N, C-alpha and C. Protein backbone atom coordinates (compact mmCIF):
# COMPACT_ATOMS: atom_id res chain seq x y z
N MET A 1 0.85 -1.20 0.00
CA MET A 1 0.00 0.00 0.00
C MET A 1 0.88 1.24 0.00
N SER A 2 0.67 2.15 -0.94
CA SER A 2 1.51 3.34 -1.06
C SER A 2 1.21 4.35 0.04
N THR A 3 2.20 5.20 0.33
CA THR A 3 2.03 6.23 1.35
C THR A 3 1.11 7.33 0.83
N PRO A 4 0.07 7.68 1.57
CA PRO A 4 -0.84 8.74 1.10
C PRO A 4 -0.11 10.06 0.90
N LYS A 5 -0.45 10.76 -0.17
CA LYS A 5 0.21 12.03 -0.48
C LYS A 5 -0.06 13.07 0.60
N LEU A 6 -1.27 13.06 1.18
CA LEU A 6 -1.60 14.12 2.14
C LEU A 6 -0.72 14.04 3.39
N LEU A 7 -0.08 12.89 3.63
CA LEU A 7 0.80 12.77 4.79
C LEU A 7 1.98 13.73 4.70
N ARG A 8 2.36 14.09 3.48
CA ARG A 8 3.48 15.01 3.29
C ARG A 8 3.21 16.39 3.85
N GLY A 9 1.92 16.79 3.86
CA GLY A 9 1.57 18.13 4.34
C GLY A 9 1.03 18.14 5.75
N LEU A 10 1.14 17.02 6.47
CA LEU A 10 0.55 16.92 7.80
C LEU A 10 1.58 17.25 8.87
N HIS A 11 1.21 18.16 9.78
CA HIS A 11 2.10 18.59 10.85
C HIS A 11 1.42 18.35 12.20
N ARG A 12 2.12 17.71 13.12
CA ARG A 12 1.62 17.55 14.48
C ARG A 12 2.14 18.71 15.32
N LEU A 13 1.21 19.44 15.94
CA LEU A 13 1.56 20.64 16.70
C LEU A 13 1.42 20.42 18.20
N GLY A 14 1.22 19.17 18.62
CA GLY A 14 1.08 18.85 20.04
C GLY A 14 -0.31 18.34 20.36
N HIS A 15 -0.38 17.46 21.39
CA HIS A 15 -1.66 16.95 21.88
C HIS A 15 -2.48 16.37 20.72
N ASP A 16 -3.68 16.89 20.47
CA ASP A 16 -4.50 16.44 19.33
C ASP A 16 -4.46 17.45 18.18
N VAL A 17 -3.50 18.34 18.19
CA VAL A 17 -3.48 19.48 17.28
C VAL A 17 -2.68 19.13 16.02
N PHE A 18 -3.32 19.28 14.86
CA PHE A 18 -2.66 19.03 13.59
C PHE A 18 -2.98 20.15 12.61
N ARG A 19 -2.05 20.36 11.69
CA ARG A 19 -2.30 21.25 10.56
C ARG A 19 -1.98 20.48 9.29
N LEU A 20 -2.90 20.55 8.33
CA LEU A 20 -2.70 19.93 7.02
C LEU A 20 -2.51 21.04 6.00
N ASP A 21 -1.33 21.06 5.39
CA ASP A 21 -1.05 22.05 4.36
C ASP A 21 -1.33 21.42 3.01
N GLY A 22 -2.41 21.83 2.38
CA GLY A 22 -2.79 21.24 1.11
C GLY A 22 -2.09 21.87 -0.07
N PRO A 23 -2.54 23.04 -0.58
CA PRO A 23 -3.71 23.72 -0.01
C PRO A 23 -4.98 22.91 -0.17
N PRO A 24 -6.01 23.22 0.64
CA PRO A 24 -6.15 24.29 1.62
C PRO A 24 -5.39 23.99 2.92
N VAL A 25 -5.32 25.00 3.78
CA VAL A 25 -4.72 24.85 5.12
C VAL A 25 -5.83 24.51 6.10
N ILE A 26 -5.71 23.35 6.74
CA ILE A 26 -6.75 22.85 7.64
C ILE A 26 -6.15 22.58 9.01
N TYR A 27 -6.77 23.12 10.05
CA TYR A 27 -6.37 22.84 11.44
C TYR A 27 -7.39 21.94 12.11
N PHE A 28 -6.88 21.04 12.93
CA PHE A 28 -7.72 20.22 13.80
C PHE A 28 -7.44 20.61 15.25
N ASP A 29 -8.49 21.00 15.98
CA ASP A 29 -8.41 21.32 17.41
C ASP A 29 -7.23 22.23 17.75
N PRO A 30 -7.13 23.41 17.14
CA PRO A 30 -5.99 24.28 17.42
C PRO A 30 -5.94 24.73 18.88
N TRP A 31 -4.78 24.56 19.49
CA TRP A 31 -4.56 24.88 20.92
C TRP A 31 -3.08 25.10 21.13
N LYS A 32 -2.73 26.17 21.81
CA LYS A 32 -1.34 26.52 22.09
C LYS A 32 -0.54 26.66 20.80
N LEU A 33 -1.14 27.32 19.81
CA LEU A 33 -0.46 27.49 18.54
C LEU A 33 0.69 28.49 18.67
N PRO A 34 1.79 28.25 17.97
CA PRO A 34 2.90 29.20 18.02
C PRO A 34 2.57 30.47 17.24
N ALA A 35 3.23 31.54 17.61
CA ALA A 35 3.05 32.80 16.88
C ALA A 35 3.47 32.61 15.43
N GLY A 36 2.76 33.28 14.54
CA GLY A 36 3.10 33.20 13.12
C GLY A 36 2.56 31.99 12.41
N SER A 37 1.64 31.26 13.05
CA SER A 37 1.04 30.10 12.39
C SER A 37 0.27 30.53 11.15
N PRO A 38 0.30 29.73 10.08
CA PRO A 38 -0.39 30.11 8.84
C PRO A 38 -1.89 30.28 9.05
N THR A 39 -2.48 31.18 8.29
CA THR A 39 -3.92 31.39 8.33
C THR A 39 -4.64 30.17 7.77
N ALA A 40 -5.73 29.81 8.41
CA ALA A 40 -6.49 28.62 8.02
C ALA A 40 -7.52 28.94 6.95
N ASP A 41 -7.72 27.97 6.06
CA ASP A 41 -8.90 27.97 5.20
C ASP A 41 -10.06 27.30 5.92
N LEU A 42 -9.74 26.27 6.72
CA LEU A 42 -10.75 25.49 7.42
C LEU A 42 -10.21 25.09 8.79
N ILE A 43 -11.04 25.25 9.82
CA ILE A 43 -10.71 24.83 11.18
C ILE A 43 -11.78 23.86 11.64
N LEU A 44 -11.37 22.70 12.14
CA LEU A 44 -12.28 21.68 12.64
C LEU A 44 -12.05 21.50 14.13
N VAL A 45 -13.12 21.63 14.91
CA VAL A 45 -13.05 21.52 16.37
C VAL A 45 -13.93 20.36 16.81
N SER A 46 -13.35 19.44 17.54
CA SER A 46 -14.05 18.18 17.85
C SER A 46 -15.08 18.33 18.97
N HIS A 47 -14.74 19.11 20.01
CA HIS A 47 -15.66 19.27 21.13
C HIS A 47 -15.22 20.45 21.99
N ASP A 48 -15.97 20.72 23.05
CA ASP A 48 -15.82 21.99 23.75
C ASP A 48 -14.84 21.99 24.91
N HIS A 49 -14.11 20.92 25.18
CA HIS A 49 -13.14 20.93 26.26
C HIS A 49 -12.00 21.88 25.93
N PHE A 50 -11.41 22.49 26.97
CA PHE A 50 -10.50 23.61 26.76
C PHE A 50 -9.29 23.27 25.91
N ASP A 51 -8.84 22.01 25.95
CA ASP A 51 -7.65 21.62 25.21
C ASP A 51 -7.97 21.22 23.77
N HIS A 52 -9.20 21.46 23.35
CA HIS A 52 -9.63 21.19 21.97
C HIS A 52 -10.33 22.40 21.36
N CYS A 53 -11.08 23.10 22.19
CA CYS A 53 -11.81 24.30 21.74
C CYS A 53 -11.20 25.52 22.42
N SER A 54 -10.34 26.21 21.70
CA SER A 54 -9.67 27.40 22.21
C SER A 54 -10.03 28.59 21.33
N PRO A 55 -11.01 29.39 21.74
CA PRO A 55 -11.39 30.54 20.91
C PRO A 55 -10.22 31.45 20.55
N ASP A 56 -9.28 31.63 21.48
CA ASP A 56 -8.14 32.50 21.18
C ASP A 56 -7.29 31.93 20.06
N ASP A 57 -7.07 30.63 20.07
CA ASP A 57 -6.26 30.03 19.02
C ASP A 57 -6.99 30.01 17.69
N VAL A 58 -8.30 29.75 17.72
CA VAL A 58 -9.09 29.81 16.50
C VAL A 58 -9.00 31.22 15.89
N LYS A 59 -9.12 32.22 16.74
CA LYS A 59 -9.03 33.60 16.25
C LYS A 59 -7.65 33.89 15.67
N LYS A 60 -6.61 33.32 16.30
CA LYS A 60 -5.23 33.58 15.89
C LYS A 60 -4.97 33.17 14.44
N VAL A 61 -5.63 32.11 13.98
CA VAL A 61 -5.36 31.62 12.62
C VAL A 61 -6.55 31.82 11.67
N SER A 62 -7.49 32.66 12.08
CA SER A 62 -8.65 32.93 11.25
C SER A 62 -8.44 34.19 10.41
N GLY A 63 -8.89 34.12 9.17
CA GLY A 63 -8.92 35.27 8.29
C GLY A 63 -10.33 35.49 7.79
N PRO A 64 -10.53 36.47 6.91
CA PRO A 64 -11.87 36.78 6.43
C PRO A 64 -12.59 35.61 5.77
N ALA A 65 -11.85 34.70 5.16
CA ALA A 65 -12.48 33.59 4.44
C ALA A 65 -12.43 32.26 5.19
N THR A 66 -11.91 32.26 6.42
CA THR A 66 -11.79 31.01 7.18
C THR A 66 -13.16 30.46 7.56
N VAL A 67 -13.35 29.17 7.37
CA VAL A 67 -14.57 28.48 7.80
C VAL A 67 -14.24 27.64 9.02
N VAL A 68 -15.06 27.77 10.06
CA VAL A 68 -14.89 27.00 11.29
C VAL A 68 -16.06 26.03 11.40
N VAL A 69 -15.75 24.76 11.58
CA VAL A 69 -16.75 23.71 11.77
C VAL A 69 -16.51 23.07 13.12
N ALA A 70 -17.56 22.90 13.91
CA ALA A 70 -17.41 22.36 15.26
C ALA A 70 -18.66 21.60 15.66
N ASN A 71 -18.52 20.75 16.67
CA ASN A 71 -19.71 20.10 17.21
C ASN A 71 -20.58 21.17 17.88
N PRO A 72 -21.85 20.90 18.15
CA PRO A 72 -22.74 21.96 18.63
C PRO A 72 -22.25 22.70 19.88
N SER A 73 -21.73 21.98 20.88
CA SER A 73 -21.31 22.66 22.10
C SER A 73 -20.10 23.56 21.86
N ALA A 74 -19.17 23.14 21.03
CA ALA A 74 -18.02 23.98 20.71
C ALA A 74 -18.42 25.14 19.81
N ALA A 75 -19.33 24.90 18.88
CA ALA A 75 -19.77 25.97 17.98
C ALA A 75 -20.38 27.12 18.77
N GLY A 76 -21.00 26.81 19.89
CA GLY A 76 -21.57 27.86 20.74
C GLY A 76 -20.54 28.78 21.34
N LYS A 77 -19.27 28.35 21.36
CA LYS A 77 -18.19 29.16 21.91
C LYS A 77 -17.37 29.86 20.83
N LEU A 78 -17.71 29.59 19.57
CA LEU A 78 -16.91 30.10 18.45
C LEU A 78 -17.82 30.88 17.51
N PRO A 79 -17.84 32.19 17.60
CA PRO A 79 -18.75 33.00 16.79
C PRO A 79 -18.60 32.69 15.30
N GLY A 80 -19.74 32.44 14.66
CA GLY A 80 -19.75 32.19 13.23
C GLY A 80 -19.45 30.77 12.82
N ALA A 81 -19.21 29.90 13.80
CA ALA A 81 -18.87 28.51 13.46
C ALA A 81 -20.08 27.78 12.91
N ARG A 82 -19.82 26.83 12.04
CA ARG A 82 -20.84 25.97 11.46
C ARG A 82 -20.97 24.72 12.33
N ALA A 83 -22.12 24.50 12.93
CA ALA A 83 -22.32 23.34 13.80
C ALA A 83 -22.57 22.08 12.98
N LEU A 84 -21.90 21.00 13.38
CA LEU A 84 -22.05 19.73 12.69
C LEU A 84 -22.15 18.63 13.75
N ARG A 85 -23.16 17.80 13.62
CA ARG A 85 -23.37 16.69 14.56
C ARG A 85 -22.82 15.39 13.96
N PRO A 86 -22.50 14.42 14.81
CA PRO A 86 -22.07 13.12 14.28
C PRO A 86 -23.09 12.57 13.29
N GLY A 87 -22.60 12.12 12.15
CA GLY A 87 -23.47 11.61 11.10
C GLY A 87 -23.78 12.64 10.03
N GLU A 88 -23.47 13.91 10.27
CA GLU A 88 -23.73 14.95 9.29
C GLU A 88 -22.48 15.24 8.47
N THR A 89 -22.66 15.80 7.29
CA THR A 89 -21.56 16.16 6.40
C THR A 89 -21.73 17.59 5.91
N THR A 90 -20.64 18.17 5.50
CA THR A 90 -20.67 19.47 4.87
C THR A 90 -19.51 19.54 3.89
N THR A 91 -19.53 20.51 3.02
CA THR A 91 -18.45 20.71 2.06
C THR A 91 -17.93 22.13 2.19
N VAL A 92 -16.63 22.26 2.27
CA VAL A 92 -15.99 23.57 2.35
C VAL A 92 -14.99 23.65 1.21
N GLY A 93 -15.30 24.44 0.20
CA GLY A 93 -14.48 24.45 -0.99
C GLY A 93 -14.48 23.06 -1.62
N ALA A 94 -13.29 22.52 -1.82
CA ALA A 94 -13.18 21.19 -2.40
C ALA A 94 -13.03 20.09 -1.35
N VAL A 95 -13.23 20.45 -0.07
CA VAL A 95 -13.04 19.50 1.02
C VAL A 95 -14.38 18.99 1.52
N LYS A 96 -14.56 17.68 1.51
CA LYS A 96 -15.74 17.08 2.12
C LYS A 96 -15.42 16.79 3.58
N VAL A 97 -16.32 17.19 4.48
CA VAL A 97 -16.14 17.00 5.92
C VAL A 97 -17.26 16.12 6.44
N GLU A 98 -16.91 14.99 7.02
CA GLU A 98 -17.88 14.09 7.64
C GLU A 98 -17.64 14.09 9.15
N ALA A 99 -18.65 14.41 9.92
CA ALA A 99 -18.56 14.30 11.38
C ALA A 99 -18.96 12.88 11.78
N VAL A 100 -18.11 12.25 12.60
CA VAL A 100 -18.38 10.89 13.05
C VAL A 100 -18.35 10.86 14.57
N PRO A 101 -18.96 9.85 15.19
CA PRO A 101 -19.05 9.83 16.65
C PRO A 101 -17.68 9.73 17.33
N ALA A 102 -17.59 10.32 18.51
CA ALA A 102 -16.41 10.22 19.37
C ALA A 102 -16.92 10.21 20.81
N TYR A 103 -16.71 9.11 21.51
CA TYR A 103 -17.22 9.02 22.88
C TYR A 103 -16.51 7.91 23.65
N ASN A 104 -16.69 7.94 24.95
CA ASN A 104 -16.10 6.92 25.83
C ASN A 104 -17.04 5.76 26.07
N THR A 105 -16.45 4.59 26.15
CA THR A 105 -17.18 3.39 26.56
C THR A 105 -16.72 2.87 27.91
N ASN A 106 -15.48 3.21 28.31
CA ASN A 106 -14.93 2.67 29.56
C ASN A 106 -14.00 3.63 30.29
N LYS A 107 -14.13 4.92 30.03
CA LYS A 107 -13.35 5.94 30.73
C LYS A 107 -14.32 6.88 31.44
N PHE A 108 -14.25 6.92 32.78
CA PHE A 108 -15.30 7.59 33.56
C PHE A 108 -14.71 8.63 34.51
N ARG A 109 -15.37 9.80 34.59
CA ARG A 109 -14.99 10.82 35.56
C ARG A 109 -15.52 10.48 36.94
N SER A 110 -16.61 9.74 37.00
CA SER A 110 -17.19 9.19 38.23
C SER A 110 -17.99 7.98 37.81
N PRO A 111 -18.38 7.11 38.73
CA PRO A 111 -19.06 5.88 38.33
C PRO A 111 -20.25 6.13 37.40
N GLY A 112 -20.18 5.54 36.22
CA GLY A 112 -21.28 5.66 35.26
C GLY A 112 -21.33 6.94 34.48
N VAL A 113 -20.36 7.85 34.69
CA VAL A 113 -20.36 9.14 34.00
C VAL A 113 -19.09 9.25 33.14
N PRO A 114 -19.19 9.03 31.83
CA PRO A 114 -18.01 9.08 30.96
C PRO A 114 -17.47 10.51 30.83
N PHE A 115 -16.17 10.60 30.58
CA PHE A 115 -15.59 11.91 30.28
C PHE A 115 -16.21 12.49 29.01
N HIS A 116 -16.47 11.63 28.05
CA HIS A 116 -17.04 12.05 26.77
C HIS A 116 -18.25 11.17 26.47
N PRO A 117 -19.41 11.54 26.97
CA PRO A 117 -20.60 10.69 26.79
C PRO A 117 -21.16 10.77 25.38
N PRO A 118 -21.79 9.71 24.90
CA PRO A 118 -22.37 9.75 23.55
C PRO A 118 -23.36 10.88 23.36
N LYS A 119 -24.14 11.18 24.39
CA LYS A 119 -25.18 12.21 24.25
C LYS A 119 -24.61 13.61 24.07
N ALA A 120 -23.31 13.79 24.34
CA ALA A 120 -22.70 15.11 24.18
C ALA A 120 -22.45 15.46 22.71
N GLU A 121 -22.56 14.48 21.83
CA GLU A 121 -22.40 14.71 20.39
C GLU A 121 -21.03 15.32 20.05
N HIS A 122 -19.99 14.74 20.63
CA HIS A 122 -18.63 15.14 20.25
C HIS A 122 -18.29 14.50 18.91
N ASN A 123 -17.40 15.15 18.20
CA ASN A 123 -17.07 14.72 16.85
C ASN A 123 -15.66 14.16 16.72
N GLY A 124 -15.51 13.16 15.87
CA GLY A 124 -14.31 12.93 15.11
C GLY A 124 -14.61 13.45 13.72
N TYR A 125 -13.59 13.55 12.87
CA TYR A 125 -13.82 14.03 11.50
C TYR A 125 -13.11 13.14 10.49
N ILE A 126 -13.78 12.86 9.40
CA ILE A 126 -13.14 12.27 8.23
C ILE A 126 -13.25 13.29 7.11
N ILE A 127 -12.10 13.74 6.63
CA ILE A 127 -12.11 14.71 5.54
C ILE A 127 -11.57 14.05 4.27
N THR A 128 -12.09 14.48 3.15
CA THR A 128 -11.61 14.02 1.85
C THR A 128 -10.99 15.21 1.13
N VAL A 129 -9.70 15.07 0.82
CA VAL A 129 -8.94 16.12 0.13
C VAL A 129 -8.24 15.48 -1.07
N ALA A 130 -8.55 15.96 -2.25
CA ALA A 130 -7.91 15.47 -3.48
C ALA A 130 -7.98 13.95 -3.57
N GLY A 131 -9.13 13.40 -3.19
CA GLY A 131 -9.36 11.98 -3.33
C GLY A 131 -8.83 11.10 -2.22
N GLU A 132 -8.15 11.69 -1.22
CA GLU A 132 -7.64 10.92 -0.09
C GLU A 132 -8.39 11.30 1.18
N ARG A 133 -8.49 10.33 2.09
CA ARG A 133 -9.31 10.51 3.28
C ARG A 133 -8.45 10.45 4.55
N LEU A 134 -8.66 11.42 5.41
CA LEU A 134 -7.95 11.51 6.69
C LEU A 134 -8.96 11.52 7.82
N TYR A 135 -8.73 10.69 8.83
CA TYR A 135 -9.61 10.58 10.00
C TYR A 135 -8.90 11.14 11.22
N HIS A 136 -9.49 12.14 11.84
CA HIS A 136 -9.05 12.67 13.14
C HIS A 136 -10.08 12.19 14.15
N ALA A 137 -9.65 11.34 15.07
CA ALA A 137 -10.61 10.64 15.93
C ALA A 137 -11.20 11.50 17.03
N GLY A 138 -10.57 12.65 17.36
CA GLY A 138 -11.05 13.39 18.52
C GLY A 138 -10.79 12.59 19.79
N ASP A 139 -11.52 12.90 20.85
CA ASP A 139 -11.36 12.19 22.13
C ASP A 139 -12.37 11.05 22.17
N THR A 140 -11.87 9.83 22.07
CA THR A 140 -12.78 8.70 21.93
C THR A 140 -12.12 7.42 22.42
N ASP A 141 -12.95 6.45 22.74
CA ASP A 141 -12.51 5.08 22.91
C ASP A 141 -12.65 4.34 21.58
N HIS A 142 -12.27 3.08 21.58
CA HIS A 142 -12.52 2.22 20.42
C HIS A 142 -14.01 1.90 20.41
N ILE A 143 -14.72 2.48 19.47
CA ILE A 143 -16.18 2.37 19.44
C ILE A 143 -16.62 1.52 18.24
N PRO A 144 -17.79 0.91 18.31
CA PRO A 144 -18.23 0.02 17.23
C PRO A 144 -18.30 0.69 15.87
N GLU A 145 -18.62 1.97 15.84
CA GLU A 145 -18.76 2.68 14.56
C GLU A 145 -17.47 2.66 13.74
N MET A 146 -16.33 2.51 14.40
CA MET A 146 -15.06 2.55 13.68
C MET A 146 -14.94 1.45 12.64
N ALA A 147 -15.64 0.36 12.82
CA ALA A 147 -15.57 -0.74 11.84
C ALA A 147 -16.07 -0.30 10.47
N GLY A 148 -16.87 0.77 10.43
CA GLY A 148 -17.39 1.27 9.16
C GLY A 148 -16.61 2.44 8.60
N PHE A 149 -15.56 2.90 9.31
CA PHE A 149 -14.79 4.04 8.83
C PHE A 149 -13.76 3.56 7.80
N ARG A 150 -13.58 4.34 6.75
CA ARG A 150 -12.55 4.06 5.77
C ARG A 150 -11.73 5.31 5.53
N CYS A 151 -10.42 5.16 5.64
CA CYS A 151 -9.55 6.32 5.45
C CYS A 151 -8.16 5.85 5.04
N ASP A 152 -7.40 6.79 4.51
CA ASP A 152 -6.01 6.52 4.15
C ASP A 152 -5.06 6.78 5.32
N VAL A 153 -5.38 7.81 6.12
CA VAL A 153 -4.59 8.16 7.29
C VAL A 153 -5.53 8.27 8.48
N ALA A 154 -5.17 7.61 9.60
CA ALA A 154 -5.97 7.67 10.81
C ALA A 154 -5.14 8.26 11.94
N LEU A 155 -5.61 9.37 12.52
CA LEU A 155 -4.98 10.00 13.67
C LEU A 155 -5.71 9.51 14.91
N LEU A 156 -5.02 8.72 15.74
CA LEU A 156 -5.67 8.00 16.83
C LEU A 156 -5.05 8.34 18.18
N PRO A 157 -5.87 8.66 19.19
CA PRO A 157 -5.35 8.93 20.52
C PRO A 157 -4.86 7.65 21.19
N VAL A 158 -3.77 7.74 21.96
CA VAL A 158 -3.13 6.53 22.50
C VAL A 158 -2.84 6.58 24.00
N SER A 159 -3.20 7.65 24.68
CA SER A 159 -2.69 7.87 26.03
C SER A 159 -3.46 7.17 27.14
N GLY A 160 -4.70 6.74 26.88
CA GLY A 160 -5.53 6.24 27.97
C GLY A 160 -6.07 7.39 28.80
N THR A 161 -6.60 7.09 29.96
CA THR A 161 -7.22 8.02 30.93
C THR A 161 -8.52 8.60 30.40
N TYR A 162 -8.43 9.45 29.35
CA TYR A 162 -9.62 10.08 28.77
C TYR A 162 -9.99 9.48 27.42
N VAL A 163 -9.08 8.75 26.85
CA VAL A 163 -9.23 8.23 25.48
C VAL A 163 -8.72 6.80 25.45
N MET A 164 -8.56 6.24 24.26
CA MET A 164 -8.05 4.89 24.11
C MET A 164 -6.65 4.74 24.69
N THR A 165 -6.39 3.58 25.26
CA THR A 165 -5.02 3.19 25.57
C THR A 165 -4.31 2.81 24.27
N ALA A 166 -3.01 2.62 24.36
CA ALA A 166 -2.26 2.18 23.18
C ALA A 166 -2.81 0.87 22.64
N GLU A 167 -3.16 -0.04 23.54
CA GLU A 167 -3.70 -1.33 23.12
C GLU A 167 -5.05 -1.16 22.42
N GLU A 168 -5.90 -0.32 22.99
CA GLU A 168 -7.22 -0.09 22.38
C GLU A 168 -7.09 0.64 21.05
N ALA A 169 -6.14 1.57 20.97
CA ALA A 169 -5.93 2.29 19.71
C ALA A 169 -5.43 1.36 18.61
N ALA A 170 -4.59 0.40 18.98
CA ALA A 170 -4.13 -0.58 17.99
C ALA A 170 -5.30 -1.44 17.51
N GLN A 171 -6.20 -1.80 18.42
CA GLN A 171 -7.40 -2.54 18.02
C GLN A 171 -8.26 -1.71 17.08
N ALA A 172 -8.37 -0.41 17.37
CA ALA A 172 -9.13 0.48 16.48
C ALA A 172 -8.49 0.54 15.10
N ALA A 173 -7.17 0.63 15.06
CA ALA A 173 -6.47 0.67 13.78
C ALA A 173 -6.73 -0.60 12.97
N GLN A 174 -6.79 -1.73 13.65
CA GLN A 174 -7.07 -2.99 12.96
C GLN A 174 -8.50 -3.01 12.41
N ALA A 175 -9.42 -2.35 13.10
CA ALA A 175 -10.80 -2.28 12.62
C ALA A 175 -10.92 -1.34 11.42
N ILE A 176 -10.18 -0.24 11.44
CA ILE A 176 -10.29 0.78 10.40
C ILE A 176 -9.45 0.43 9.17
N LYS A 177 -8.29 -0.17 9.41
CA LYS A 177 -7.37 -0.58 8.34
C LYS A 177 -6.91 0.59 7.46
N PRO A 178 -6.36 1.65 8.06
CA PRO A 178 -5.83 2.75 7.23
C PRO A 178 -4.52 2.33 6.56
N ALA A 179 -4.10 3.08 5.57
CA ALA A 179 -2.78 2.86 5.00
C ALA A 179 -1.70 3.22 6.01
N VAL A 180 -1.97 4.27 6.80
CA VAL A 180 -1.02 4.75 7.81
C VAL A 180 -1.80 5.17 9.05
N ALA A 181 -1.30 4.78 10.22
CA ALA A 181 -1.85 5.25 11.49
C ALA A 181 -0.85 6.20 12.14
N VAL A 182 -1.36 7.28 12.71
CA VAL A 182 -0.52 8.29 13.36
C VAL A 182 -1.02 8.47 14.80
N PRO A 183 -0.16 8.26 15.80
CA PRO A 183 -0.61 8.44 17.19
C PRO A 183 -0.73 9.90 17.57
N MET A 184 -1.67 10.18 18.46
CA MET A 184 -1.85 11.54 19.00
C MET A 184 -2.34 11.43 20.44
N HIS A 185 -2.63 12.59 21.04
CA HIS A 185 -3.09 12.69 22.43
C HIS A 185 -2.03 12.12 23.39
N TYR A 186 -0.85 12.71 23.31
CA TYR A 186 0.23 12.40 24.25
C TYR A 186 1.16 13.60 24.31
N GLY A 187 1.93 13.67 25.38
CA GLY A 187 2.88 14.76 25.53
C GLY A 187 2.33 16.01 26.19
N GLU A 188 1.01 16.09 26.36
CA GLU A 188 0.34 17.17 27.09
C GLU A 188 -0.75 16.54 27.94
N ILE A 189 -0.81 16.88 29.18
CA ILE A 189 -1.84 16.44 30.13
C ILE A 189 -1.64 14.97 30.50
N VAL A 190 -1.73 14.07 29.54
CA VAL A 190 -1.49 12.64 29.79
C VAL A 190 -0.79 12.04 28.59
N GLY A 191 -0.16 10.88 28.81
CA GLY A 191 0.44 10.14 27.71
C GLY A 191 1.88 10.53 27.44
N GLY A 192 2.66 9.55 26.98
CA GLY A 192 4.06 9.81 26.69
C GLY A 192 4.61 8.86 25.64
N GLU A 193 5.92 8.87 25.51
CA GLU A 193 6.58 8.10 24.46
C GLU A 193 6.36 6.60 24.61
N ALA A 194 6.20 6.12 25.85
CA ALA A 194 5.96 4.69 26.03
C ALA A 194 4.63 4.26 25.39
N ASP A 195 3.63 5.13 25.46
CA ASP A 195 2.35 4.82 24.81
C ASP A 195 2.51 4.75 23.30
N VAL A 196 3.29 5.67 22.77
CA VAL A 196 3.52 5.71 21.32
C VAL A 196 4.27 4.45 20.87
N ALA A 197 5.30 4.08 21.64
CA ALA A 197 6.08 2.89 21.28
C ALA A 197 5.23 1.63 21.33
N ARG A 198 4.37 1.52 22.34
CA ARG A 198 3.51 0.35 22.46
C ARG A 198 2.51 0.30 21.30
N PHE A 199 1.95 1.44 20.94
CA PHE A 199 1.01 1.51 19.82
C PHE A 199 1.69 1.07 18.53
N ARG A 200 2.87 1.60 18.28
CA ARG A 200 3.58 1.22 17.05
C ARG A 200 3.89 -0.28 17.03
N GLU A 201 4.35 -0.81 18.15
CA GLU A 201 4.67 -2.23 18.23
C GLU A 201 3.46 -3.09 17.86
N LEU A 202 2.32 -2.78 18.45
CA LEU A 202 1.13 -3.60 18.23
C LEU A 202 0.59 -3.44 16.80
N CYS A 203 0.62 -2.22 16.29
CA CYS A 203 0.13 -2.00 14.92
C CYS A 203 1.01 -2.71 13.91
N GLU A 204 2.31 -2.61 14.08
CA GLU A 204 3.21 -3.21 13.11
C GLU A 204 3.13 -4.73 13.15
N LYS A 205 2.87 -5.30 14.31
CA LYS A 205 2.63 -6.74 14.39
C LYS A 205 1.40 -7.15 13.59
N ALA A 206 0.43 -6.23 13.51
CA ALA A 206 -0.81 -6.50 12.78
C ALA A 206 -0.71 -6.07 11.31
N GLY A 207 0.46 -5.61 10.88
CA GLY A 207 0.65 -5.23 9.49
C GLY A 207 0.18 -3.84 9.13
N ILE A 208 0.02 -2.97 10.14
CA ILE A 208 -0.44 -1.59 9.91
C ILE A 208 0.76 -0.64 10.06
N ALA A 209 1.01 0.14 9.04
CA ALA A 209 2.13 1.09 9.08
C ALA A 209 1.82 2.22 10.05
N VAL A 210 2.83 2.63 10.79
CA VAL A 210 2.70 3.73 11.75
C VAL A 210 3.73 4.80 11.40
N VAL A 211 3.29 6.04 11.39
CA VAL A 211 4.18 7.19 11.22
C VAL A 211 4.05 8.04 12.48
N ILE A 212 5.17 8.31 13.13
CA ILE A 212 5.20 9.15 14.32
C ILE A 212 5.73 10.52 13.88
N LEU A 213 4.86 11.51 13.97
CA LEU A 213 5.24 12.84 13.51
C LEU A 213 5.94 13.61 14.63
N SER A 214 7.06 14.22 14.31
CA SER A 214 7.71 15.12 15.26
C SER A 214 6.92 16.40 15.36
N LEU A 215 7.09 17.11 16.46
CA LEU A 215 6.39 18.39 16.61
C LEU A 215 6.92 19.41 15.61
N GLY A 216 5.99 20.19 15.07
CA GLY A 216 6.39 21.26 14.18
C GLY A 216 5.70 21.21 12.84
């Protein structure tokens, strides 16, 4: 399986934060962006938690033509944002945006109360750019819906605590079968290099290529 072309323009900026330089320039969950970051054509925000929905960072990379798409709770914090619920799609220029579910099945803030409950309508996103598909999972566990996702590149959280563990993320990668899996949700708040190494080990045993992006 060949390496997806869009991987060449993908930058990991920390935590769950990515920028895809196409053109267009697309940000996922911008947070703690460095000064001088390129202006976005499209910004996708998965949910309203502070480390994913940062109005100041969204403003920092927004220009007159920037389109912001967010789940309903995050859209309420971002003036002018286009609200999208799991299962809904929209098109921004030549980019197709599909919102997909993101929720916890076994990570709880208190007994029976997930950090990311299904009813909160948090999003992952699958975008199609120039015929290739990229999946940003958002904050989620390995959920049944993933068996129906198809993408060339899958950005998957690996840290545990609030999201999938490395083992669960590897299981998700096996369900999705991307050409390339990229770990995220580590290095800030929770998660570290050991999670990344374990994820890569398990994925490669299952025949799934893993690319670990350096910051920047």
